[in-house]
PDB file of N, CA and C in Angstrom:
ATOM      1  N   MET A   1     -12.029  17.499 -13.983  1.00  0.00           N
ATOM      2  CA  MET A   1     -11.011  16.955 -13.121  1.00  0.00           C
ATOM      3  C   MET A   1     -10.136  18.121 -12.669  1.00  0.00           C
ATOM      4  N   THR A   2     -10.330  18.561 -11.437  1.00  0.00           N
ATOM      5  CA  THR A   2      -9.579  19.700 -10.927  1.00  0.00           C
ATOM      6  C   THR A   2      -8.251  19.254 -10.325  1.00  0.00           C
ATOM      7  N   PRO A   3      -7.270  20.156 -10.282  1.00  0.00           N
ATOM      8  CA  PRO A   3      -5.974  19.780  -9.722  1.00  0.00           C
ATOM      9  C   PRO A   3      -6.051  19.179  -8.316  1.00  0.00           C
ATOM     10  N   PRO A   4      -6.813  19.777  -7.386  1.00  0.00           N
ATOM     11  CA  PRO A   4      -6.860  19.158  -6.049  1.00  0.00           C
ATOM     12  C   PRO A   4      -7.451  17.749  -6.060  1.00  0.00           C
ATOM     13  N   ARG A   5      -8.383  17.502  -6.945  1.00  0.00           N
ATOM     14  CA  ARG A   5      -8.992  16.171  -7.000  1.00  0.00           C
ATOM     15  C   ARG A   5      -8.051  15.136  -7.598  1.00  0.00           C
ATOM     16  N   ILE A   6      -7.235  15.550  -8.542  1.00  0.00           N
ATOM     17  CA  ILE A   6      -6.235  14.622  -9.094  1.00  0.00           C
ATOM     18  C   ILE A   6      -5.273  14.218  -7.970  1.00  0.00           C
ATOM     19  N   THR A   7      -4.795  15.213  -7.242  1.00  0.00           N
ATOM     20  CA  THR A   7      -3.857  14.952  -6.145  1.00  0.00           C
ATOM     21  C   THR A   7      -4.496  14.088  -5.067  1.00  0.00           C
ATOM     22  N   LEU A   8      -5.712  14.428  -4.674  1.00  0.00           N
ATOM     23  CA  LEU A   8      -6.409  13.680  -3.634  1.00  0.00           C
ATOM     24  C   LEU A   8      -6.602  12.219  -4.040  1.00  0.00           C
ATOM     25  N   ALA A   9      -7.055  12.003  -5.252  1.00  0.00           N
ATOM     26  CA  ALA A   9      -7.296  10.639  -5.718  1.00  0.00           C
ATOM     27  C   ALA A   9      -5.993   9.854  -5.791  1.00  0.00           C
ATOM     28  N   ARG A  10      -4.934  10.502  -6.258  1.00  0.00           N
ATOM     29  CA  ARG A  10      -3.626   9.830  -6.333  1.00  0.00           C
ATOM     30  C   ARG A  10      -3.167   9.419  -4.942  1.00  0.00           C
ATOM     31  N   LYS A  11      -3.282  10.338  -3.995  1.00  0.00           N
ATOM     32  CA  LYS A  11      -2.833  10.038  -2.635  1.00  0.00           C
ATOM     33  C   LYS A  11      -3.694   8.970  -1.974  1.00  0.00           C
ATOM     34  N   ARG A  12      -4.992   8.986  -2.236  1.00  0.00           N
ATOM     35  CA  ARG A  12      -5.872   7.947  -1.684  1.00  0.00           C
ATOM     36  C   ARG A  12      -5.486   6.565  -2.178  1.00  0.00           C
ATOM     37  N   ARG A  13      -4.989   6.513  -3.393  1.00  0.00           N
ATOM     38  CA  ARG A  13      -4.546   5.233  -3.950  1.00  0.00           C
ATOM     39  C   ARG A  13      -3.140   4.872  -3.498  1.00  0.00           C
ATOM     40  N   GLY A  14      -2.478   5.783  -2.795  1.00  0.00           N
ATOM     41  CA  GLY A  14      -1.126   5.520  -2.313  1.00  0.00           C
ATOM     42  C   GLY A  14      -0.089   5.558  -3.405  1.00  0.00           C
ATOM     43  N   LEU A  15      -0.325   6.356  -4.441  1.00  0.00           N
ATOM     44  CA  LEU A  15       0.590   6.421  -5.572  1.00  0.00           C
ATOM     45  C   LEU A  15       1.446   7.679  -5.515  1.00  0.00           C
ATOM     46  N   THR A  16       2.680   7.553  -5.940  1.00  0.00           N
ATOM     47  CA  THR A  16       3.541   8.717  -6.116  1.00  0.00           C
ATOM     48  C   THR A  16       3.243   9.328  -7.475  1.00  0.00           C
ATOM     49  N   LEU A  17       3.746  10.536  -7.685  1.00  0.00           N
ATOM     50  CA  LEU A  17       3.605  11.150  -9.007  1.00  0.00           C
ATOM     51  C   LEU A  17       4.214  10.252 -10.083  1.00  0.00           C
ATOM     52  N   ALA A  18       5.373   9.713  -9.798  1.00  0.00           N
ATOM     53  CA  ALA A  18       6.066   8.857 -10.772  1.00  0.00           C
ATOM     54  C   ALA A  18       5.245   7.608 -11.087  1.00  0.00           C
ATOM     55  N   GLU A  19       4.657   6.999 -10.064  1.00  0.00           N
ATOM     56  CA  GLU A  19       3.864   5.787 -10.287  1.00  0.00           C
ATOM     57  C   GLU A  19       2.619   6.084 -11.118  1.00  0.00           C
ATOM     58  N   LEU A  20       1.923   7.173 -10.784  1.00  0.00           N
ATOM     59  CA  LEU A  20       0.720   7.512 -11.549  1.00  0.00           C
ATOM     60  C   LEU A  20       1.063   7.914 -12.971  1.00  0.00           C
ATOM     61  N   SER A  21       2.149   8.638 -13.155  1.00  0.00           N
ATOM     62  CA  SER A  21       2.514   9.035 -14.518  1.00  0.00           C
ATOM     63  C   SER A  21       2.805   7.812 -15.373  1.00  0.00           C
ATOM     64  N   GLU A  22       3.458   6.813 -14.778  1.00  0.00           N
ATOM     65  CA  GLU A  22       3.741   5.584 -15.521  1.00  0.00           C
ATOM     66  C   GLU A  22       2.448   4.824 -15.836  1.00  0.00           C
ATOM     67  N   LEU A  23       1.576   4.697 -14.840  1.00  0.00           N
ATOM     68  CA  LEU A  23       0.312   3.981 -15.053  1.00  0.00           C
ATOM     69  C   LEU A  23      -0.577   4.666 -16.089  1.00  0.00           C
ATOM     70  N   ALA A  24      -0.571   5.996 -16.068  1.00  0.00           N
ATOM     71  CA  ALA A  24      -1.439   6.751 -16.976  1.00  0.00           C
ATOM     72  C   ALA A  24      -0.802   6.981 -18.339  1.00  0.00           C
ATOM     73  N   GLY A  25       0.491   6.720 -18.442  1.00  0.00           N
ATOM     74  CA  GLY A  25       1.164   6.917 -19.725  1.00  0.00           C
ATOM     75  C   GLY A  25       1.391   8.381 -20.055  1.00  0.00           C
ATOM     76  N   VAL A  26       1.590   9.197 -19.020  1.00  0.00           N
ATOM     77  CA  VAL A  26       1.903  10.615 -19.234  1.00  0.00           C
ATOM     78  C   VAL A  26       3.236  10.903 -18.545  1.00  0.00           C
ATOM     79  N   SER A  27       3.902  11.951 -18.991  1.00  0.00           N
ATOM     80  CA  SER A  27       5.192  12.262 -18.381  1.00  0.00           C
ATOM     81  C   SER A  27       5.003  12.764 -16.955  1.00  0.00           C
ATOM     82  N   LEU A  28       6.030  12.590 -16.172  1.00  0.00           N
ATOM     83  CA  LEU A  28       6.016  13.064 -14.793  1.00  0.00           C
ATOM     84  C   LEU A  28       5.801  14.576 -14.769  1.00  0.00           C
ATOM     85  N   GLN A  29       6.460  15.281 -15.662  1.00  0.00           N
ATOM     86  CA  GLN A  29       6.314  16.745 -15.728  1.00  0.00           C
ATOM     87  C   GLN A  29       4.878  17.141 -16.056  1.00  0.00           C
ATOM     88  N   SER A  30       4.255  16.439 -16.998  1.00  0.00           N
ATOM     89  CA  SER A  30       2.859  16.745 -17.340  1.00  0.00           C
ATOM     90  C   SER A  30       1.947  16.525 -16.146  1.00  0.00           C
ATOM     91  N   LEU A  31       2.110  15.406 -15.471  1.00  0.00           N
ATOM     92  CA  LEU A  31       1.275  15.113 -14.315  1.00  0.00           C
ATOM     93  C   LEU A  31       1.479  16.155 -13.218  1.00  0.00           C
ATOM     94  N   SER A  32       2.711  16.538 -12.989  1.00  0.00           N
ATOM     95  CA  SER A  32       2.992  17.577 -12.007  1.00  0.00           C
ATOM     96  C   SER A  32       2.292  18.880 -12.391  1.00  0.00           C
ATOM     97  N   ASN A  33       2.328  19.207 -13.675  1.00  0.00           N
ATOM     98  CA  ASN A  33       1.645  20.413 -14.156  1.00  0.00           C
ATOM     99  C   ASN A  33       0.131  20.312 -13.971  1.00  0.00           C
ATOM    100  N   TYR A  34      -0.437  19.142 -14.153  1.00  0.00           N
ATOM    101  CA  TYR A  34      -1.877  18.956 -13.936  1.00  0.00           C
ATOM    102  C   TYR A  34      -2.224  19.178 -12.472  1.00  0.00           C
ATOM    103  N   GLU A  35      -1.405  18.617 -11.581  1.00  0.00           N
ATOM    104  CA  GLU A  35      -1.693  18.724 -10.153  1.00  0.00           C
ATOM    105  C   GLU A  35      -1.520  20.145  -9.622  1.00  0.00           C
ATOM    106  N   THR A  36      -0.626  20.901 -10.200  1.00  0.00           N
ATOM    107  CA  THR A  36      -0.414  22.274  -9.742  1.00  0.00           C
ATOM    108  C   THR A  36      -1.321  23.259 -10.465  1.00  0.00           C
ATOM    109  N   GLY A  37      -2.017  22.805 -11.487  1.00  0.00           N
ATOM    110  CA  GLY A  37      -2.925  23.677 -12.225  1.00  0.00           C
ATOM    111  C   GLY A  37      -2.260  24.494 -13.315  1.00  0.00           C
ATOM    112  N   ARG A  38      -0.996  24.228 -13.586  1.00  0.00           N
ATOM    113  CA  ARG A  38      -0.301  24.954 -14.659  1.00  0.00           C
ATOM    114  C   ARG A  38      -0.896  24.633 -16.020  1.00  0.00           C
ATOM    115  N   THR A  39      -1.254  23.376 -16.199  1.00  0.00           N
ATOM    116  CA  THR A  39      -1.923  22.953 -17.426  1.00  0.00           C
ATOM    117  C   THR A  39      -3.040  21.984 -17.035  1.00  0.00           C
ATOM    118  N   ALA A  40      -3.931  21.730 -17.961  1.00  0.00           N
ATOM    119  CA  ALA A  40      -5.041  20.808 -17.700  1.00  0.00           C
ATOM    120  C   ALA A  40      -4.940  19.619 -18.652  1.00  0.00           C
ATOM    121  N   PRO A  41      -5.250  18.426 -18.149  1.00  0.00           N
ATOM    122  CA  PRO A  41      -5.237  17.262 -19.047  1.00  0.00           C
ATOM    123  C   PRO A  41      -6.364  17.376 -20.065  1.00  0.00           C
ATOM    124  N   ARG A  42      -6.106  16.906 -21.263  1.00  0.00           N
ATOM    125  CA  ARG A  42      -7.166  16.857 -22.275  1.00  0.00           C
ATOM    126  C   ARG A  42      -8.242  15.899 -21.792  1.00  0.00           C
ATOM    127  N   ARG A  43      -9.474  16.242 -22.035  1.00  0.00           N
ATOM    128  CA  ARG A  43     -10.580  15.412 -21.564  1.00  0.00           C
ATOM    129  C   ARG A  43     -10.663  14.085 -22.307  1.00  0.00           C
ATOM    130  N   THR A  44      -9.936  13.945 -23.368  1.00  0.00           N
ATOM    131  CA  THR A  44     -10.010  12.716 -24.159  1.00  0.00           C
ATOM    132  C   THR A  44      -9.057  11.666 -23.614  1.00  0.00           C
ATOM    133  N   THR A  45      -8.019  11.425 -24.307  1.00  0.00           N
ATOM    134  CA  THR A  45      -7.112  10.327 -23.984  1.00  0.00           C
ATOM    135  C   THR A  45      -6.423  10.482 -22.635  1.00  0.00           C
ATOM    136  N   VAL A  46      -5.843  11.619 -22.375  1.00  0.00           N
ATOM    137  CA  VAL A  46      -5.089  11.804 -21.133  1.00  0.00           C
ATOM    138  C   VAL A  46      -6.014  11.750 -19.926  1.00  0.00           C
ATOM    139  N   GLY A  47      -7.140  12.440 -20.006  1.00  0.00           N
ATOM    140  CA  GLY A  47      -8.093  12.418 -18.898  1.00  0.00           C
ATOM    141  C   GLY A  47      -8.588  11.017 -18.610  1.00  0.00           C
ATOM    142  N   ALA A  48      -8.891  10.273 -19.657  1.00  0.00           N
ATOM    143  CA  ALA A  48      -9.367   8.900 -19.490  1.00  0.00           C
ATOM    144  C   ALA A  48      -8.267   8.016 -18.908  1.00  0.00           C
ATOM    145  N   ALA A  49      -7.033   8.222 -19.343  1.00  0.00           N
ATOM    146  CA  ALA A  49      -5.922   7.430 -18.827  1.00  0.00           C
ATOM    147  C   ALA A  49      -5.694   7.717 -17.344  1.00  0.00           C
ATOM    148  N   LEU A  50      -5.815   8.989 -16.950  1.00  0.00           N
ATOM    149  CA  LEU A  50      -5.664   9.327 -15.536  1.00  0.00           C
ATOM    150  C   LEU A  50      -6.757   8.681 -14.702  1.00  0.00           C
ATOM    151  N   LEU A  51      -8.001   8.782 -15.170  1.00  0.00           N
ATOM    152  CA  LEU A  51      -9.106   8.174 -14.435  1.00  0.00           C
ATOM    153  C   LEU A  51      -8.921   6.670 -14.319  1.00  0.00           C
ATOM    154  N   SER A  52      -8.491   6.055 -15.384  1.00  0.00           N
ATOM    155  CA  SER A  52      -8.279   4.618 -15.369  1.00  0.00           C
ATOM    156  C   SER A  52      -7.175   4.245 -14.385  1.00  0.00           C
ATOM    157  N   ALA A  53      -6.095   5.002 -14.390  1.00  0.00           N
ATOM    158  CA  ALA A  53      -4.972   4.706 -13.512  1.00  0.00           C
ATOM    159  C   ALA A  53      -5.308   4.963 -12.050  1.00  0.00           C
ATOM    160  N   ILE A  54      -6.091   5.998 -11.789  1.00  0.00           N
ATOM    161  CA  ILE A  54      -6.453   6.329 -10.417  1.00  0.00           C
ATOM    162  C   ILE A  54      -7.441   5.313  -9.866  1.00  0.00           C
ATOM    163  N   GLY A  55      -8.310   4.835 -10.701  1.00  0.00           N
ATOM    164  CA  GLY A  55      -9.276   3.835 -10.248  1.00  0.00           C
ATOM    165  C   GLY A  55     -10.686   4.203 -10.618  1.00  0.00           C
ATOM    166  N   THR A  56     -11.422   4.749  -9.687  1.00  0.00           N
ATOM    167  CA  THR A  56     -12.833   5.002  -9.916  1.00  0.00           C
ATOM    168  C   THR A  56     -13.140   6.477  -9.885  1.00  0.00           C
ATOM    169  N   LEU A  57     -14.249   6.826 -10.465  1.00  0.00           N
ATOM    170  CA  LEU A  57     -14.712   8.204 -10.421  1.00  0.00           C
ATOM    171  C   LEU A  57     -15.060   8.625  -9.002  1.00  0.00           C
ATOM    172  N   SER A  58     -15.396   7.696  -8.154  1.00  0.00           N
ATOM    173  CA  SER A  58     -15.760   8.048  -6.774  1.00  0.00           C
ATOM    174  C   SER A  58     -14.592   8.695  -6.044  1.00  0.00           C
ATOM    175  N   ALA A  59     -13.390   8.354  -6.424  1.00  0.00           N
ATOM    176  CA  ALA A  59     -12.225   8.971  -5.796  1.00  0.00           C
ATOM    177  C   ALA A  59     -12.141  10.450  -6.144  1.00  0.00           C
ATOM    178  N   LEU A  60     -12.781  10.844  -7.238  1.00  0.00           N
ATOM    179  CA  LEU A  60     -12.749  12.228  -7.665  1.00  0.00           C
ATOM    180  C   LEU A  60     -14.027  12.985  -7.322  1.00  0.00           C
ATOM    181  N   SER A  61     -15.098  12.277  -7.012  1.00  0.00           N
ATOM    182  CA  SER A  61     -16.388  12.925  -6.874  1.00  0.00           C
ATOM    183  C   SER A  61     -16.568  13.668  -5.570  1.00  0.00           C
ATOM    184  N   ASP A  62     -15.990  13.203  -4.480  1.00  0.00           N
ATOM    185  CA  ASP A  62     -16.209  13.835  -3.180  1.00  0.00           C
ATOM    186  C   ASP A  62     -14.884  13.979  -2.453  1.00  0.00           C
ATOM    187  N   PRO A  63     -14.342  15.201  -2.405  1.00  0.00           N
ATOM    188  CA  PRO A  63     -13.041  15.380  -1.786  1.00  0.00           C
ATOM    189  C   PRO A  63     -13.002  15.066  -0.295  1.00  0.00           C
ATOM    190  N   THR A  64     -14.146  14.928   0.358  1.00  0.00           N
ATOM    191  CA  THR A  64     -14.172  14.597   1.786  1.00  0.00           C
ATOM    192  C   THR A  64     -14.090  13.101   2.017  1.00  0.00           C
ATOM    193  N   GLY A  65     -14.227  12.306   0.957  1.00  0.00           N
ATOM    194  CA  GLY A  65     -14.154  10.850   1.083  1.00  0.00           C
ATOM    195  C   GLY A  65     -15.460  10.202   1.464  1.00  0.00           C
ATOM    196  N   ARG A  66     -16.539  10.962   1.428  1.00  0.00           N
ATOM    197  CA  ARG A  66     -17.861  10.411   1.771  1.00  0.00           C
ATOM    198  C   ARG A  66     -18.568   9.844   0.569  1.00  0.00           C
TER     199      ARG A  66
END
């Protein structure tokens, strides 16, 4: 899950950083750090929570939306 794909998927869902952080159960600061690439979400709980909150893996699989 790369930073640009997290941002793209969030925006496709029409979510703000605050809304996604609440849905995923992570702090706003952590989510901001994930999107800017300062830190990476753990592939376990946090990564799964982000994917669940964003929706589907398809939102992350193709940045062109195809």
